[in-house]
Amino acid sequence: MPSLQVTRNKAKIRHSSLVTCHFKVKQGFTLIELLIVITIIGILASLTLATYGNTQQKARDGVRKSDLGQIRRALELAKSDCSSAAYYPAGFSGDQYEQFDGLQLYLADTDLNYMSGSVPDDPKNVTEGSLNYKYGYSLLSSQQTNVCADGDGDATYTEQSGSSQFTLSALMERGPSDSESYKSREKCKNKPGPDGDTTDWTGSAYAGYYVVCSS
């Protein structure tokens, strides 16, 4: 009988040991499992950040399009005050970005009241390497003097130069993938731009730009 009891006790011990070992395996993770989980989390985080970044870019591009439309309406108001309603305010020096700076001051002049409040800048308004996230204003090289409102409260409104054509431009952060970019450039093909009076806005050099122009 004692021998039988010892055998039973040993069996219980072995069974208990096996159960304990089995329990420990279920409670933990192997190194490979942990690496897999970490990798999946990293991939999901990357996808989330990429989606968020694309959403932010799309939102800023939408602001750019809205801004240019608003500025164009102000230019049409200014045109109505120019001689024979045939010109847009001009006479600003520099490249298209510097000319836009001049246009901002002009449109914001309280004597003229073409735009209420400040004239918007590009949402980023910076230069990143070769990319200029700034609004541009391009005009014909041949301009008429003393045909538009001067902004000094002069009742005659004849001391500002004018151009019969203009182009407003903005670089989209989503580049050529923006669905409206090429359509806008096609409408303004051979309008004033960085390459002169008849800039081919549909060319590869301007891929990713969104533009509005005079009719």
N, C-alpha and C. Protein backbone atom coordinates (compact mmCIF):
# COMPACT_ATOMS: atom_id res chain seq x y z
N MET A 1 0.80 -1.22 0.00
CA MET A 1 0.00 0.00 0.00
C MET A 1 0.83 1.27 0.00
N PRO A 2 1.88 1.38 0.82
CA PRO A 2 2.72 2.58 0.78
C PRO A 2 3.29 2.81 -0.59
N SER A 3 3.69 1.73 -1.27
CA SER A 3 4.28 1.88 -2.60
C SER A 3 3.26 2.46 -3.57
N LEU A 4 2.04 2.02 -3.46
CA LEU A 4 0.98 2.54 -4.33
C LEU A 4 0.72 4.01 -4.06
N GLN A 5 0.76 4.42 -2.79
CA GLN A 5 0.54 5.82 -2.42
C GLN A 5 1.62 6.72 -2.99
N VAL A 6 2.87 6.26 -2.91
CA VAL A 6 3.99 7.04 -3.45
C VAL A 6 3.84 7.22 -4.94
N THR A 7 3.43 6.19 -5.61
CA THR A 7 3.25 6.26 -7.07
C THR A 7 2.19 7.29 -7.43
N ARG A 8 1.09 7.26 -6.64
CA ARG A 8 0.02 8.23 -6.90
C ARG A 8 0.50 9.66 -6.66
N ASN A 9 1.27 9.86 -5.60
CA ASN A 9 1.78 11.20 -5.30
C ASN A 9 2.68 11.71 -6.42
N LYS A 10 3.55 10.83 -6.94
CA LYS A 10 4.45 11.22 -8.02
C LYS A 10 3.66 11.60 -9.28
N ALA A 11 2.61 10.84 -9.51
CA ALA A 11 1.78 11.14 -10.68
C ALA A 11 1.13 12.51 -10.55
N LYS A 12 0.64 12.82 -9.31
CA LYS A 12 0.03 14.12 -9.06
C LYS A 12 1.03 15.24 -9.27
N ILE A 13 2.26 15.02 -8.79
CA ILE A 13 3.29 16.05 -8.93
C ILE A 13 3.59 16.31 -10.40
N ARG A 14 3.74 15.22 -11.18
CA ARG A 14 4.02 15.37 -12.60
C ARG A 14 2.88 16.09 -13.31
N HIS A 15 1.66 15.72 -12.95
CA HIS A 15 0.49 16.35 -13.57
C HIS A 15 0.42 17.84 -13.23
N SER A 16 0.68 18.17 -11.96
CA SER A 16 0.69 19.57 -11.52
C SER A 16 1.76 20.36 -12.25
N SER A 17 2.92 19.75 -12.43
CA SER A 17 4.03 20.43 -13.12
C SER A 17 3.67 20.72 -14.56
N LEU A 18 3.04 19.76 -15.21
CA LEU A 18 2.65 19.95 -16.60
C LEU A 18 1.61 21.06 -16.75
N VAL A 19 0.66 21.07 -15.82
CA VAL A 19 -0.37 22.11 -15.85
C VAL A 19 0.24 23.48 -15.67
N THR A 20 1.19 23.59 -14.74
CA THR A 20 1.85 24.86 -14.46
C THR A 20 2.61 25.35 -15.68
N CYS A 21 3.34 24.47 -16.31
CA CYS A 21 4.12 24.85 -17.50
C CYS A 21 3.18 25.29 -18.61
N HIS A 22 2.12 24.58 -18.78
CA HIS A 22 1.15 24.93 -19.81
C HIS A 22 0.55 26.31 -19.55
N PHE A 23 0.27 26.63 -18.34
CA PHE A 23 -0.29 27.92 -17.94
C PHE A 23 0.68 29.06 -18.24
N LYS A 24 1.95 28.87 -17.97
CA LYS A 24 2.96 29.91 -18.19
C LYS A 24 3.12 30.22 -19.68
N VAL A 25 3.06 29.25 -20.52
CA VAL A 25 3.20 29.47 -21.96
C VAL A 25 2.04 30.32 -22.48
N LYS A 26 0.85 30.05 -21.99
CA LYS A 26 -0.32 30.79 -22.44
C LYS A 26 -0.29 32.25 -22.01
N GLN A 27 0.36 32.59 -20.92
CA GLN A 27 0.36 33.93 -20.37
C GLN A 27 1.39 34.85 -21.02
N GLY A 28 2.33 34.36 -21.73
CA GLY A 28 3.40 35.18 -22.28
C GLY A 28 3.38 35.26 -23.80
N PHE A 29 4.30 36.10 -24.37
CA PHE A 29 4.47 36.23 -25.80
C PHE A 29 5.91 35.90 -26.16
N THR A 30 6.08 35.27 -27.28
CA THR A 30 7.44 35.00 -27.74
C THR A 30 8.01 36.26 -28.36
N LEU A 31 9.30 36.31 -28.53
CA LEU A 31 9.97 37.47 -29.13
C LEU A 31 9.46 37.71 -30.55
N ILE A 32 9.23 36.65 -31.28
CA ILE A 32 8.75 36.78 -32.66
C ILE A 32 7.36 37.41 -32.68
N GLU A 33 6.49 36.97 -31.75
CA GLU A 33 5.15 37.54 -31.68
C GLU A 33 5.19 39.02 -31.36
N LEU A 34 6.06 39.41 -30.43
CA LEU A 34 6.19 40.82 -30.08
C LEU A 34 6.68 41.65 -31.27
N LEU A 35 7.64 41.11 -32.01
CA LEU A 35 8.17 41.82 -33.18
C LEU A 35 7.09 42.00 -34.24
N ILE A 36 6.26 40.98 -34.41
CA ILE A 36 5.17 41.07 -35.38
C ILE A 36 4.18 42.17 -34.98
N VAL A 37 3.82 42.19 -33.70
CA VAL A 37 2.88 43.21 -33.21
C VAL A 37 3.46 44.61 -33.38
N ILE A 38 4.74 44.78 -33.03
CA ILE A 38 5.39 46.10 -33.16
C ILE A 38 5.43 46.54 -34.61
N THR A 39 5.71 45.60 -35.52
CA THR A 39 5.75 45.92 -36.95
C THR A 39 4.39 46.38 -37.45
N ILE A 40 3.35 45.66 -37.04
CA ILE A 40 1.99 46.02 -37.46
C ILE A 40 1.61 47.41 -36.95
N ILE A 41 1.94 47.68 -35.69
CA ILE A 41 1.65 49.00 -35.12
C ILE A 41 2.38 50.10 -35.89
N GLY A 42 3.65 49.83 -36.25
CA GLY A 42 4.43 50.81 -37.00
C GLY A 42 3.83 51.10 -38.36
N ILE A 43 3.36 50.04 -39.04
CA ILE A 43 2.74 50.21 -40.36
C ILE A 43 1.46 51.03 -40.25
N LEU A 44 0.63 50.71 -39.26
CA LEU A 44 -0.62 51.44 -39.07
C LEU A 44 -0.37 52.91 -38.74
N ALA A 45 0.66 53.16 -37.92
CA ALA A 45 1.00 54.54 -37.57
C ALA A 45 1.46 55.32 -38.80
N SER A 46 2.26 54.67 -39.65
CA SER A 46 2.75 55.32 -40.87
C SER A 46 1.59 55.66 -41.80
N LEU A 47 0.66 54.72 -41.94
CA LEU A 47 -0.50 54.96 -42.80
C LEU A 47 -1.35 56.10 -42.26
N THR A 48 -1.51 56.15 -40.95
CA THR A 48 -2.30 57.22 -40.33
C THR A 48 -1.66 58.58 -40.56
N LEU A 49 -0.33 58.66 -40.37
CA LEU A 49 0.37 59.93 -40.57
C LEU A 49 0.31 60.37 -42.03
N ALA A 50 0.46 59.41 -42.95
CA ALA A 50 0.41 59.74 -44.38
C ALA A 50 -0.96 60.27 -44.76
N THR A 51 -2.00 59.62 -44.25
CA THR A 51 -3.37 60.06 -44.54
C THR A 51 -3.63 61.45 -43.97
N TYR A 52 -3.15 61.69 -42.76
CA TYR A 52 -3.32 63.00 -42.13
C TYR A 52 -2.59 64.07 -42.93
N GLY A 53 -1.35 63.75 -43.37
CA GLY A 53 -0.58 64.71 -44.15
C GLY A 53 -1.26 65.05 -45.46
N ASN A 54 -1.79 64.05 -46.15
CA ASN A 54 -2.49 64.28 -47.41
C ASN A 54 -3.75 65.12 -47.20
N THR A 55 -4.43 64.88 -46.11
CA THR A 55 -5.64 65.65 -45.80
C THR A 55 -5.30 67.12 -45.56
N GLN A 56 -4.21 67.37 -44.85
CA GLN A 56 -3.79 68.74 -44.59
C GLN A 56 -3.38 69.45 -45.87
N GLN A 57 -2.66 68.75 -46.75
CA GLN A 57 -2.26 69.34 -48.02
C GLN A 57 -3.48 69.69 -48.88
N LYS A 58 -4.43 68.77 -48.92
CA LYS A 58 -5.65 69.01 -49.70
C LYS A 58 -6.41 70.21 -49.17
N ALA A 59 -6.45 70.35 -47.85
CA ALA A 59 -7.15 71.49 -47.24
C ALA A 59 -6.47 72.80 -47.61
N ARG A 60 -5.14 72.84 -47.54
CA ARG A 60 -4.42 74.08 -47.88
C ARG A 60 -4.57 74.40 -49.37
N ASP A 61 -4.56 73.38 -50.22
CA ASP A 61 -4.77 73.62 -51.65
C ASP A 61 -6.16 74.20 -51.90
N GLY A 62 -7.14 73.75 -51.15
CA GLY A 62 -8.49 74.30 -51.27
C GLY A 62 -8.53 75.77 -50.89
N VAL A 63 -7.77 76.13 -49.86
CA VAL A 63 -7.68 77.54 -49.45
C VAL A 63 -7.05 78.37 -50.56
N ARG A 64 -6.03 77.84 -51.19
CA ARG A 64 -5.35 78.56 -52.28
C ARG A 64 -6.31 78.88 -53.41
N LYS A 65 -7.09 77.90 -53.81
CA LYS A 65 -8.05 78.11 -54.90
C LYS A 65 -9.09 79.15 -54.51
N SER A 66 -9.56 79.07 -53.29
CA SER A 66 -10.55 80.04 -52.81
C SER A 66 -9.96 81.44 -52.76
N ASP A 67 -8.72 81.55 -52.29
CA ASP A 67 -8.06 82.86 -52.21
C ASP A 67 -7.93 83.50 -53.59
N LEU A 68 -7.46 82.72 -54.57
CA LEU A 68 -7.27 83.28 -55.91
C LEU A 68 -8.60 83.72 -56.51
N GLY A 69 -9.66 82.96 -56.24
CA GLY A 69 -10.98 83.36 -56.72
C GLY A 69 -11.43 84.66 -56.09
N GLN A 70 -11.17 84.82 -54.81
CA GLN A 70 -11.54 86.05 -54.10
C GLN A 70 -10.75 87.24 -54.63
N ILE A 71 -9.46 87.05 -54.87
CA ILE A 71 -8.62 88.14 -55.37
C ILE A 71 -9.03 88.51 -56.79
N ARG A 72 -9.39 87.51 -57.58
CA ARG A 72 -9.84 87.80 -58.95
C ARG A 72 -11.09 88.68 -58.93
N ARG A 73 -12.02 88.41 -58.04
CA ARG A 73 -13.22 89.24 -57.95
C ARG A 73 -12.87 90.68 -57.58
N ALA A 74 -11.88 90.83 -56.70
CA ALA A 74 -11.43 92.18 -56.33
C ALA A 74 -10.80 92.89 -57.52
N LEU A 75 -10.08 92.14 -58.35
CA LEU A 75 -9.46 92.73 -59.54
C LEU A 75 -10.52 93.19 -60.54
N GLU A 76 -11.61 92.45 -60.63
CA GLU A 76 -12.69 92.86 -61.53
C GLU A 76 -13.34 94.15 -61.03
N LEU A 77 -13.44 94.30 -59.71
CA LEU A 77 -13.94 95.56 -59.16
C LEU A 77 -13.00 96.71 -59.49
N ALA A 78 -11.71 96.44 -59.35
CA ALA A 78 -10.71 97.47 -59.66
C ALA A 78 -10.78 97.85 -61.14
N LYS A 79 -10.98 96.85 -61.98
CA LYS A 79 -11.05 97.11 -63.42
C LYS A 79 -12.20 98.06 -63.75
N SER A 80 -13.30 97.93 -63.03
CA SER A 80 -14.46 98.79 -63.31
C SER A 80 -14.17 100.26 -63.01
N ASP A 81 -13.15 100.53 -62.19
CA ASP A 81 -12.76 101.91 -61.88
C ASP A 81 -11.67 102.43 -62.81
N CYS A 82 -11.11 101.56 -63.62
CA CYS A 82 -10.05 101.98 -64.54
C CYS A 82 -10.65 102.58 -65.81
N SER A 83 -9.84 103.29 -66.56
CA SER A 83 -10.29 103.96 -67.77
C SER A 83 -10.96 102.98 -68.72
N SER A 84 -12.18 103.28 -69.12
CA SER A 84 -12.97 102.45 -70.03
C SER A 84 -13.20 101.04 -69.49
N ALA A 85 -12.96 100.85 -68.21
CA ALA A 85 -13.10 99.52 -67.58
C ALA A 85 -12.36 98.47 -68.39
N ALA A 86 -11.15 98.83 -68.83
CA ALA A 86 -10.40 97.95 -69.72
C ALA A 86 -9.06 97.49 -69.16
N TYR A 87 -8.75 97.88 -67.92
CA TYR A 87 -7.42 97.56 -67.38
C TYR A 87 -7.52 97.02 -65.95
N TYR A 88 -6.46 96.30 -65.61
CA TYR A 88 -6.29 95.81 -64.24
C TYR A 88 -5.10 96.54 -63.62
N PRO A 89 -5.14 96.80 -62.31
CA PRO A 89 -4.05 97.57 -61.68
C PRO A 89 -2.69 96.95 -61.93
N ALA A 90 -1.74 97.81 -62.30
CA ALA A 90 -0.38 97.36 -62.61
C ALA A 90 0.60 98.39 -62.06
N GLY A 91 1.83 98.35 -62.59
CA GLY A 91 2.84 99.31 -62.15
C GLY A 91 3.63 98.84 -60.95
N PHE A 92 3.53 97.55 -60.61
CA PHE A 92 4.29 97.01 -59.48
C PHE A 92 5.59 96.39 -60.01
N SER A 93 6.68 96.59 -59.30
CA SER A 93 7.98 96.14 -59.79
C SER A 93 8.32 94.74 -59.26
N GLY A 94 9.31 94.11 -59.93
CA GLY A 94 9.80 92.81 -59.48
C GLY A 94 9.19 91.63 -60.22
N ASP A 95 9.48 90.42 -59.71
CA ASP A 95 8.92 89.22 -60.33
C ASP A 95 7.47 89.04 -59.90
N GLN A 96 6.89 87.91 -60.29
CA GLN A 96 5.45 87.72 -60.02
C GLN A 96 5.12 87.71 -58.53
N TYR A 97 6.07 87.27 -57.71
CA TYR A 97 5.81 87.24 -56.26
C TYR A 97 5.89 88.65 -55.66
N GLU A 98 6.84 89.43 -56.13
CA GLU A 98 6.97 90.81 -55.65
C GLU A 98 5.81 91.67 -56.17
N GLN A 99 5.37 91.37 -57.39
CA GLN A 99 4.22 92.11 -57.92
C GLN A 99 2.96 91.78 -57.12
N PHE A 100 2.87 90.55 -56.65
CA PHE A 100 1.72 90.21 -55.80
C PHE A 100 1.78 90.98 -54.49
N ASP A 101 2.98 91.15 -53.95
CA ASP A 101 3.12 91.96 -52.72
C ASP A 101 2.57 93.37 -52.94
N GLY A 102 2.91 93.94 -54.12
CA GLY A 102 2.40 95.27 -54.45
C GLY A 102 0.89 95.28 -54.62
N LEU A 103 0.38 94.22 -55.24
CA LEU A 103 -1.07 94.12 -55.43
C LEU A 103 -1.80 94.01 -54.09
N GLN A 104 -1.21 93.30 -53.14
CA GLN A 104 -1.81 93.18 -51.81
C GLN A 104 -2.04 94.56 -51.18
N LEU A 105 -1.02 95.38 -51.23
CA LEU A 105 -1.13 96.72 -50.64
C LEU A 105 -2.18 97.55 -51.38
N TYR A 106 -2.20 97.39 -52.69
CA TYR A 106 -3.15 98.16 -53.50
C TYR A 106 -4.59 97.78 -53.18
N LEU A 107 -4.88 96.49 -53.19
CA LEU A 107 -6.26 96.04 -52.97
C LEU A 107 -6.74 96.31 -51.55
N ALA A 108 -5.80 96.34 -50.60
CA ALA A 108 -6.16 96.56 -49.20
C ALA A 108 -6.32 98.04 -48.86
N ASP A 109 -6.01 98.94 -49.81
CA ASP A 109 -6.12 100.37 -49.55
C ASP A 109 -7.56 100.74 -49.19
N THR A 110 -7.73 101.35 -48.06
CA THR A 110 -9.08 101.68 -47.58
C THR A 110 -9.77 102.75 -48.44
N ASP A 111 -8.99 103.56 -49.17
CA ASP A 111 -9.60 104.55 -50.06
C ASP A 111 -10.28 103.87 -51.25
N LEU A 112 -9.74 102.71 -51.63
CA LEU A 112 -10.29 102.00 -52.78
C LEU A 112 -11.38 101.01 -52.38
N ASN A 113 -11.17 100.35 -51.26
CA ASN A 113 -12.17 99.43 -50.70
C ASN A 113 -12.53 98.29 -51.65
N TYR A 114 -11.51 97.72 -52.30
CA TYR A 114 -11.75 96.59 -53.19
C TYR A 114 -11.85 95.27 -52.42
N MET A 115 -11.18 95.21 -51.28
CA MET A 115 -11.26 94.03 -50.42
C MET A 115 -11.35 94.49 -48.97
N SER A 116 -12.23 93.87 -48.22
CA SER A 116 -12.32 94.21 -46.80
C SER A 116 -11.31 93.39 -46.02
N GLY A 117 -10.60 94.05 -45.13
CA GLY A 117 -9.57 93.35 -44.37
C GLY A 117 -8.31 93.15 -45.18
N SER A 118 -7.46 92.25 -44.72
CA SER A 118 -6.18 92.03 -45.39
C SER A 118 -6.34 91.10 -46.59
N VAL A 119 -5.48 91.27 -47.57
CA VAL A 119 -5.47 90.40 -48.75
C VAL A 119 -4.70 89.13 -48.38
N PRO A 120 -5.26 87.95 -48.60
CA PRO A 120 -4.64 86.72 -48.11
C PRO A 120 -3.30 86.39 -48.74
N ASP A 121 -2.44 85.77 -47.95
CA ASP A 121 -1.19 85.17 -48.42
C ASP A 121 -1.42 83.68 -48.64
N ASP A 122 -0.47 83.03 -49.30
CA ASP A 122 -0.48 81.58 -49.40
C ASP A 122 -0.48 80.99 -47.98
N PRO A 123 -1.21 79.90 -47.73
CA PRO A 123 -1.26 79.32 -46.38
C PRO A 123 0.11 79.02 -45.77
N LYS A 124 1.09 78.68 -46.61
CA LYS A 124 2.44 78.43 -46.10
C LYS A 124 3.31 79.68 -46.26
N ASN A 125 3.22 80.32 -47.44
CA ASN A 125 3.95 81.55 -47.73
C ASN A 125 5.44 81.42 -47.45
N VAL A 126 6.04 80.36 -47.96
CA VAL A 126 7.46 80.11 -47.76
C VAL A 126 8.08 79.58 -49.06
N THR A 127 9.40 79.63 -49.10
CA THR A 127 10.15 79.00 -50.18
C THR A 127 10.86 77.78 -49.60
N GLU A 128 10.57 76.61 -50.15
CA GLU A 128 11.19 75.37 -49.69
C GLU A 128 12.02 74.81 -50.83
N GLY A 129 13.32 75.11 -50.80
CA GLY A 129 14.19 74.70 -51.89
C GLY A 129 13.81 75.43 -53.17
N SER A 130 13.43 74.67 -54.19
CA SER A 130 13.03 75.28 -55.47
C SER A 130 11.53 75.51 -55.55
N LEU A 131 10.81 75.20 -54.47
CA LEU A 131 9.35 75.34 -54.47
C LEU A 131 8.94 76.63 -53.77
N ASN A 132 8.21 77.47 -54.49
CA ASN A 132 7.73 78.73 -53.93
C ASN A 132 6.25 78.63 -53.60
N TYR A 133 5.96 78.44 -52.33
CA TYR A 133 4.56 78.42 -51.91
C TYR A 133 4.15 79.86 -51.59
N LYS A 134 4.02 80.64 -52.68
CA LYS A 134 3.63 82.04 -52.59
C LYS A 134 2.72 82.34 -53.77
N TYR A 135 1.84 83.30 -53.60
CA TYR A 135 0.98 83.70 -54.70
C TYR A 135 1.75 84.60 -55.66
N GLY A 136 1.45 84.44 -56.95
CA GLY A 136 2.09 85.27 -57.96
C GLY A 136 1.08 86.09 -58.74
N TYR A 137 1.51 87.24 -59.23
CA TYR A 137 0.66 88.13 -60.03
C TYR A 137 1.47 88.55 -61.24
N SER A 138 1.04 88.11 -62.42
CA SER A 138 1.77 88.38 -63.65
C SER A 138 0.94 89.28 -64.57
N LEU A 139 1.64 90.22 -65.23
CA LEU A 139 0.97 91.21 -66.08
C LEU A 139 1.69 91.31 -67.42
N LEU A 140 1.05 91.97 -68.37
CA LEU A 140 1.70 92.24 -69.65
C LEU A 140 2.85 93.21 -69.46
N SER A 141 3.89 93.04 -70.26
CA SER A 141 5.03 93.95 -70.15
C SER A 141 4.68 95.35 -70.65
N SER A 142 3.75 95.43 -71.60
CA SER A 142 3.30 96.72 -72.12
C SER A 142 2.09 97.17 -71.30
N GLN A 143 2.26 98.26 -70.55
CA GLN A 143 1.21 98.74 -69.67
C GLN A 143 0.88 100.20 -69.97
N GLN A 144 -0.35 100.56 -69.66
CA GLN A 144 -0.79 101.93 -69.86
C GLN A 144 -0.65 102.71 -68.55
N THR A 145 -0.12 103.91 -68.64
CA THR A 145 0.05 104.73 -67.44
C THR A 145 -1.19 105.57 -67.17
N ASN A 146 -1.39 105.88 -65.90
CA ASN A 146 -2.46 106.79 -65.48
C ASN A 146 -3.85 106.38 -65.96
N VAL A 147 -4.18 105.12 -65.76
CA VAL A 147 -5.50 104.67 -66.21
C VAL A 147 -6.34 104.04 -65.09
N CYS A 148 -5.74 103.78 -63.93
CA CYS A 148 -6.47 103.14 -62.84
C CYS A 148 -6.42 103.97 -61.57
N ALA A 149 -7.26 103.61 -60.62
CA ALA A 149 -7.33 104.33 -59.35
C ALA A 149 -5.98 104.31 -58.65
N ASP A 150 -5.62 105.46 -58.05
CA ASP A 150 -4.30 105.57 -57.44
C ASP A 150 -4.27 105.21 -55.97
N GLY A 151 -5.41 105.07 -55.35
CA GLY A 151 -5.44 104.69 -53.94
C GLY A 151 -5.18 105.82 -52.98
N ASP A 152 -5.16 107.05 -53.47
CA ASP A 152 -4.93 108.20 -52.60
C ASP A 152 -6.20 109.01 -52.38
N GLY A 153 -7.32 108.45 -52.71
CA GLY A 153 -8.58 109.17 -52.55
C GLY A 153 -8.82 110.19 -53.64
N ASP A 154 -8.05 110.10 -54.72
CA ASP A 154 -8.18 111.03 -55.83
C ASP A 154 -9.47 110.73 -56.60
N ALA A 155 -10.30 111.72 -56.73
CA ALA A 155 -11.59 111.50 -57.39
C ALA A 155 -11.46 111.15 -58.86
N THR A 156 -10.34 111.54 -59.48
CA THR A 156 -10.18 111.26 -60.91
C THR A 156 -9.78 109.82 -61.17
N TYR A 157 -9.17 109.16 -60.19
CA TYR A 157 -8.78 107.75 -60.34
C TYR A 157 -8.00 107.50 -61.63
N THR A 158 -6.93 108.25 -61.83
CA THR A 158 -6.19 108.08 -63.10
C THR A 158 -4.68 108.04 -62.91
N GLU A 159 -4.18 107.72 -61.75
CA GLU A 159 -2.73 107.81 -61.54
C GLU A 159 -2.03 106.46 -61.39
N GLN A 160 -2.76 105.36 -61.54
CA GLN A 160 -2.16 104.03 -61.45
C GLN A 160 -2.08 103.42 -62.84
N SER A 161 -0.97 102.74 -63.11
CA SER A 161 -0.83 102.06 -64.40
C SER A 161 -1.78 100.88 -64.49
N GLY A 162 -2.02 100.42 -65.71
CA GLY A 162 -2.93 99.30 -65.91
C GLY A 162 -2.45 98.34 -66.97
N SER A 163 -2.90 97.09 -66.87
CA SER A 163 -2.59 96.05 -67.85
C SER A 163 -3.91 95.42 -68.30
N SER A 164 -4.01 95.10 -69.56
CA SER A 164 -5.26 94.53 -70.08
C SER A 164 -5.42 93.05 -69.75
N GLN A 165 -4.33 92.42 -69.26
CA GLN A 165 -4.40 91.01 -68.89
C GLN A 165 -3.63 90.76 -67.59
N PHE A 166 -4.02 89.71 -66.89
CA PHE A 166 -3.31 89.31 -65.67
C PHE A 166 -3.42 87.80 -65.48
N THR A 167 -2.54 87.27 -64.66
CA THR A 167 -2.61 85.87 -64.23
C THR A 167 -2.23 85.79 -62.76
N LEU A 168 -3.06 85.13 -61.97
CA LEU A 168 -2.75 84.83 -60.57
C LEU A 168 -2.36 83.36 -60.49
N SER A 169 -1.31 83.06 -59.74
CA SER A 169 -0.83 81.68 -59.69
C SER A 169 -0.53 81.24 -58.27
N ALA A 170 -0.67 79.93 -58.05
CA ALA A 170 -0.35 79.32 -56.75
C ALA A 170 0.12 77.90 -56.99
N LEU A 171 1.16 77.48 -56.29
CA LEU A 171 1.68 76.12 -56.40
C LEU A 171 0.92 75.21 -55.44
N MET A 172 0.34 74.14 -55.98
CA MET A 172 -0.39 73.18 -55.16
C MET A 172 0.58 72.21 -54.47
N GLU A 173 0.34 71.93 -53.20
CA GLU A 173 1.20 71.00 -52.47
C GLU A 173 1.06 69.58 -53.00
N ARG A 174 -0.10 69.24 -53.53
CA ARG A 174 -0.27 67.91 -54.11
C ARG A 174 0.24 67.83 -55.54
N GLY A 175 0.75 68.94 -56.04
CA GLY A 175 1.37 68.96 -57.36
C GLY A 175 0.41 68.59 -58.48
N PRO A 176 0.92 67.91 -59.51
CA PRO A 176 0.10 67.56 -60.67
C PRO A 176 -1.07 66.64 -60.34
N SER A 177 -1.04 65.99 -59.18
CA SER A 177 -2.14 65.09 -58.82
C SER A 177 -3.43 65.85 -58.50
N ASP A 178 -3.32 67.17 -58.31
CA ASP A 178 -4.53 67.96 -58.09
C ASP A 178 -5.36 67.96 -59.36
N SER A 179 -6.60 67.54 -59.25
CA SER A 179 -7.46 67.34 -60.43
C SER A 179 -7.77 68.62 -61.19
N GLU A 180 -7.71 69.77 -60.53
CA GLU A 180 -8.09 71.03 -61.17
C GLU A 180 -6.88 71.82 -61.68
N SER A 181 -5.69 71.35 -61.38
CA SER A 181 -4.49 72.08 -61.75
C SER A 181 -4.36 72.25 -63.26
N TYR A 182 -4.37 71.15 -63.99
CA TYR A 182 -4.15 71.24 -65.44
C TYR A 182 -5.29 71.99 -66.13
N LYS A 183 -6.52 71.76 -65.69
CA LYS A 183 -7.67 72.44 -66.31
C LYS A 183 -7.53 73.95 -66.19
N SER A 184 -7.08 74.41 -65.03
CA SER A 184 -6.93 75.86 -64.83
C SER A 184 -5.83 76.41 -65.72
N ARG A 185 -4.75 75.65 -65.86
CA ARG A 185 -3.63 76.12 -66.68
C ARG A 185 -3.97 76.10 -68.16
N GLU A 186 -4.80 75.15 -68.54
CA GLU A 186 -5.23 75.08 -69.93
C GLU A 186 -6.07 76.29 -70.30
N LYS A 187 -6.92 76.73 -69.37
CA LYS A 187 -7.75 77.92 -69.61
C LYS A 187 -6.91 79.18 -69.75
N CYS A 188 -5.76 79.19 -69.08
CA CYS A 188 -4.91 80.39 -69.07
C CYS A 188 -3.66 80.23 -69.93
N LYS A 189 -3.67 79.29 -70.84
CA LYS A 189 -2.52 79.09 -71.71
C LYS A 189 -2.24 80.36 -72.51
N ASN A 190 -0.96 80.71 -72.58
CA ASN A 190 -0.50 81.89 -73.32
C ASN A 190 -0.97 83.21 -72.71
N LYS A 191 -1.24 83.19 -71.42
CA LYS A 191 -1.51 84.42 -70.67
C LYS A 191 -0.20 84.85 -70.00
N PRO A 192 -0.15 86.06 -69.44
CA PRO A 192 1.09 86.53 -68.80
C PRO A 192 1.57 85.57 -67.72
N GLY A 193 2.89 85.48 -67.59
CA GLY A 193 3.49 84.60 -66.59
C GLY A 193 4.99 84.82 -66.49
N PRO A 194 5.70 83.94 -65.81
CA PRO A 194 7.15 84.09 -65.64
C PRO A 194 7.92 84.12 -66.95
N ASP A 195 7.37 83.50 -68.00
CA ASP A 195 8.07 83.45 -69.28
C ASP A 195 7.69 84.60 -70.21
N GLY A 196 6.95 85.56 -69.72
CA GLY A 196 6.60 86.70 -70.55
C GLY A 196 5.10 86.83 -70.79
N ASP A 197 4.77 87.61 -71.82
CA ASP A 197 3.38 87.94 -72.10
C ASP A 197 2.54 86.73 -72.51
N THR A 198 3.17 85.72 -73.12
CA THR A 198 2.44 84.54 -73.58
C THR A 198 3.07 83.28 -73.00
N THR A 199 3.01 83.15 -71.72
CA THR A 199 3.58 81.97 -71.04
C THR A 199 2.71 80.74 -71.29
N ASP A 200 3.35 79.65 -71.65
CA ASP A 200 2.62 78.39 -71.85
C ASP A 200 2.44 77.72 -70.49
N TRP A 201 1.36 78.01 -69.84
CA TRP A 201 1.11 77.48 -68.50
C TRP A 201 0.88 75.98 -68.50
N THR A 202 0.62 75.38 -69.66
CA THR A 202 0.42 73.93 -69.72
C THR A 202 1.73 73.17 -69.79
N GLY A 203 2.84 73.87 -69.90
CA GLY A 203 4.15 73.22 -69.99
C GLY A 203 4.53 72.52 -68.69
N SER A 204 5.49 71.61 -68.80
CA SER A 204 5.90 70.81 -67.64
C SER A 204 6.49 71.66 -66.52
N ALA A 205 7.04 72.82 -66.87
CA ALA A 205 7.64 73.69 -65.85
C ALA A 205 6.60 74.19 -64.85
N TYR A 206 5.32 74.18 -65.25
CA TYR A 206 4.27 74.71 -64.39
C TYR A 206 3.30 73.62 -63.92
N ALA A 207 3.70 72.37 -64.07
CA ALA A 207 2.88 71.27 -63.57
C ALA A 207 2.69 71.41 -62.06
N GLY A 208 1.47 71.31 -61.62
CA GLY A 208 1.20 71.45 -60.19
C GLY A 208 0.75 72.84 -59.78
N TYR A 209 0.78 73.79 -60.72
CA TYR A 209 0.29 75.14 -60.42
C TYR A 209 -1.22 75.21 -60.67
N TYR A 210 -1.86 76.06 -59.91
CA TYR A 210 -3.26 76.39 -60.16
C TYR A 210 -3.29 77.88 -60.48
N VAL A 211 -3.95 78.25 -61.57
CA VAL A 211 -3.94 79.65 -62.01
C VAL A 211 -5.35 80.13 -62.35
N VAL A 212 -5.55 81.42 -62.19
CA VAL A 212 -6.75 82.09 -62.69
C VAL A 212 -6.27 83.31 -63.46
N CYS A 213 -7.02 83.71 -64.46
CA CYS A 213 -6.54 84.80 -65.31
C CYS A 213 -7.70 85.63 -65.84
N SER A 214 -7.35 86.72 -66.48
CA SER A 214 -8.35 87.57 -67.13
C SER A 214 -8.92 86.82 -68.33
N SER A 215 -10.13 87.17 -68.71
CA SER A 215 -10.77 86.49 -69.84
C SER A 215 -10.21 86.98 -71.16
